[in-house]
């Protein structure tokens, strides 16, 4: 399944969750950040991917990081919408 289709599916699946977010929960989601070790590993794998040097296990690991990053990005976008709606109310 393409990354775009996965992202679209995640977005649709997360809509009901987003509708239940409180402002505090939305802010907590927006504060989510990878720790330094994870960030460094993601950068290392991204560089190897660009160079075409990922081993099969590294490719699987990198794809997992990308999927999780996409999920978090979608959650953060939905959290921003919740906070925007709160401000406009």
C-alpha atoms as a PDB file:
ATOM      1  CA  UNK A   1       0.000   0.000   0.000  1.00  0.00           C
ATOM      2  CA  UNK A   2       1.391   3.401  -0.913  1.00  0.00           C
ATOM      3  CA  UNK A   3       2.357   5.896   1.777  1.00  0.00           C
ATOM      4  CA  UNK A   4      -0.385   8.273   0.610  1.00  0.00           C
ATOM      5  CA  UNK A   5      -3.070   5.593   0.895  1.00  0.00           C
ATOM      6  CA  UNK A   6      -1.819   4.596   4.342  1.00  0.00           C
ATOM      7  CA  UNK A   7      -1.857   8.241   5.452  1.00  0.00           C
ATOM      8  CA  UNK A   8      -5.381   8.707   4.090  1.00  0.00           C
ATOM      9  CA  UNK A   9      -6.546   5.572   5.880  1.00  0.00           C
ATOM     10  CA  UNK A  10      -4.929   6.664   9.153  1.00  0.00           C
ATOM     11  CA  UNK A  11      -6.497  10.077   8.863  1.00  0.00           C
ATOM     12  CA  UNK A  12      -9.956   8.585   8.405  1.00  0.00           C
ATOM     13  CA  UNK A  13      -9.458   6.099  11.233  1.00  0.00           C
ATOM     14  CA  UNK A  14      -8.282   8.821  13.603  1.00  0.00           C
ATOM     15  CA  UNK A  15     -11.140  11.245  12.910  1.00  0.00           C
ATOM     16  CA  UNK A  16     -13.376   9.829  15.665  1.00  0.00           C
ATOM     17  CA  UNK A  17     -10.510  10.046  18.145  1.00  0.00           C
ATOM     18  CA  UNK A  18      -9.777  13.632  17.181  1.00  0.00           C
ATOM     19  CA  UNK A  19     -13.384  14.595  17.861  1.00  0.00           C
ATOM     20  CA  UNK A  20     -12.947  13.536  21.502  1.00  0.00           C
ATOM     21  CA  UNK A  21      -9.708  15.433  22.212  1.00  0.00           C
ATOM     22  CA  UNK A  22      -9.718  17.995  24.979  1.00  0.00           C
ATOM     23  CA  UNK A  23      -7.510  21.066  24.741  1.00  0.00           C
ATOM     24  CA  UNK A  24      -5.121  19.590  27.299  1.00  0.00           C
ATOM     25  CA  UNK A  25      -4.852  16.321  25.389  1.00  0.00           C
ATOM     26  CA  UNK A  26      -4.322  18.203  22.127  1.00  0.00           C
ATOM     27  CA  UNK A  27      -1.491  20.186  23.707  1.00  0.00           C
ATOM     28  CA  UNK A  28       0.071  16.960  25.046  1.00  0.00           C
ATOM     29  CA  UNK A  29      -0.025  15.443  21.560  1.00  0.00           C
ATOM     30  CA  UNK A  30       1.623  18.552  20.115  1.00  0.00           C
ATOM     31  CA  UNK A  31       4.452  18.218  22.628  1.00  0.00           C
ATOM     32  CA  UNK A  32       5.334  14.672  21.485  1.00  0.00           C
ATOM     33  CA  UNK A  33       8.937  14.508  20.284  1.00  0.00           C
ATOM     34  CA  UNK A  34      11.341  11.660  19.634  1.00  0.00           C
ATOM     35  CA  UNK A  35      14.192  11.407  22.091  1.00  0.00           C
ATOM     36  CA  UNK A  36      17.727  12.103  20.901  1.00  0.00           C
ATOM     37  CA  UNK A  37      18.601   8.424  20.367  1.00  0.00           C
ATOM     38  CA  UNK A  38      15.581   7.822  18.162  1.00  0.00           C
ATOM     39  CA  UNK A  39      16.146  11.057  16.267  1.00  0.00           C
ATOM     40  CA  UNK A  40      19.795  10.164  15.619  1.00  0.00           C
ATOM     41  CA  UNK A  41      18.874   6.667  14.463  1.00  0.00           C
ATOM     42  CA  UNK A  42      16.225   8.008  12.104  1.00  0.00           C
ATOM     43  CA  UNK A  43      18.743  10.425  10.590  1.00  0.00           C
ATOM     44  CA  UNK A  44      21.302   7.642  10.192  1.00  0.00           C
ATOM     45  CA  UNK A  45      18.783   5.379   8.460  1.00  0.00           C
ATOM     46  CA  UNK A  46      17.491   8.220   6.274  1.00  0.00           C
ATOM     47  CA  UNK A  47      21.012   8.944   5.080  1.00  0.00           C
ATOM     48  CA  UNK A  48      21.663   5.266   4.323  1.00  0.00           C
ATOM     49  CA  UNK A  49      18.314   5.075   2.511  1.00  0.00           C
ATOM     50  CA  UNK A  50      19.220   8.073   0.348  1.00  0.00           C
ATOM     51  CA  UNK A  51      22.510   6.366  -0.503  1.00  0.00           C
ATOM     52  CA  UNK A  52      20.730   3.057  -1.220  1.00  0.00           C
ATOM     53  CA  UNK A  53      22.715   1.287   1.503  1.00  0.00           C
ATOM     54  CA  UNK A  54      20.019  -0.007   3.849  1.00  0.00           C
ATOM     55  CA  UNK A  55      20.122  -3.681   4.773  1.00  0.00           C
ATOM     56  CA  UNK A  56      16.743  -5.470   4.754  1.00  0.00           C
ATOM     57  CA  UNK A  57      16.419  -5.236   8.575  1.00  0.00           C
ATOM     58  CA  UNK A  58      17.353  -1.543   8.449  1.00  0.00           C
ATOM     59  CA  UNK A  59      14.814  -0.968   5.689  1.00  0.00           C
ATOM     60  CA  UNK A  60      12.103  -2.529   7.851  1.00  0.00           C
ATOM     61  CA  UNK A  61      13.204  -0.439  10.838  1.00  0.00           C
ATOM     62  CA  UNK A  62      13.236   2.741   8.751  1.00  0.00           C
ATOM     63  CA  UNK A  63       9.784   2.019   7.306  1.00  0.00           C
ATOM     64  CA  UNK A  64       8.498   1.583  10.857  1.00  0.00           C
ATOM     65  CA  UNK A  65       9.913   4.961  11.847  1.00  0.00           C
ATOM     66  CA  UNK A  66       8.307   6.556   8.785  1.00  0.00           C
ATOM     67  CA  UNK A  67       4.917   4.996   9.533  1.00  0.00           C
ATOM     68  CA  UNK A  68       5.013   6.047  13.177  1.00  0.00           C
ATOM     69  CA  UNK A  69       6.133   9.549  12.173  1.00  0.00           C
ATOM     70  CA  UNK A  70       3.205   9.781   9.761  1.00  0.00           C
ATOM     71  CA  UNK A  71       0.806   8.681  12.491  1.00  0.00           C
ATOM     72  CA  UNK A  72       2.169  11.264  14.902  1.00  0.00           C
ATOM     73  CA  UNK A  73       2.046  13.975  12.221  1.00  0.00           C
ATOM     74  CA  UNK A  74      -1.626  13.196  11.565  1.00  0.00           C
ATOM     75  CA  UNK A  75      -2.405  13.236  15.293  1.00  0.00           C
ATOM     76  CA  UNK A  76      -0.622  16.573  15.640  1.00  0.00           C
ATOM     77  CA  UNK A  77      -2.558  18.040  12.718  1.00  0.00           C
ATOM     78  CA  UNK A  78      -5.810  16.943  14.311  1.00  0.00           C
ATOM     79  CA  UNK A  79      -4.689  18.346  17.672  1.00  0.00           C
ATOM     80  CA  UNK A  80      -3.980  21.711  16.017  1.00  0.00           C
ATOM     81  CA  UNK A  81      -7.485  21.709  14.546  1.00  0.00           C
ATOM     82  CA  UNK A  82      -8.954  21.057  17.992  1.00  0.00           C
ATOM     83  CA  UNK A  83      -7.011  23.961  19.466  1.00  0.00           C
ATOM     84  CA  UNK A  84      -7.912  26.242  16.545  1.00  0.00           C
ATOM     85  CA  UNK A  85     -11.600  25.427  17.051  1.00  0.00           C
ATOM     86  CA  UNK A  86     -11.272  26.103  20.774  1.00  0.00           C
ATOM     87  CA  UNK A  87      -9.768  29.536  20.107  1.00  0.00           C
ATOM     88  CA  UNK A  88     -12.458  30.388  17.542  1.00  0.00           C
ATOM     89  CA  UNK A  89     -15.282  29.402  19.947  1.00  0.00           C
END
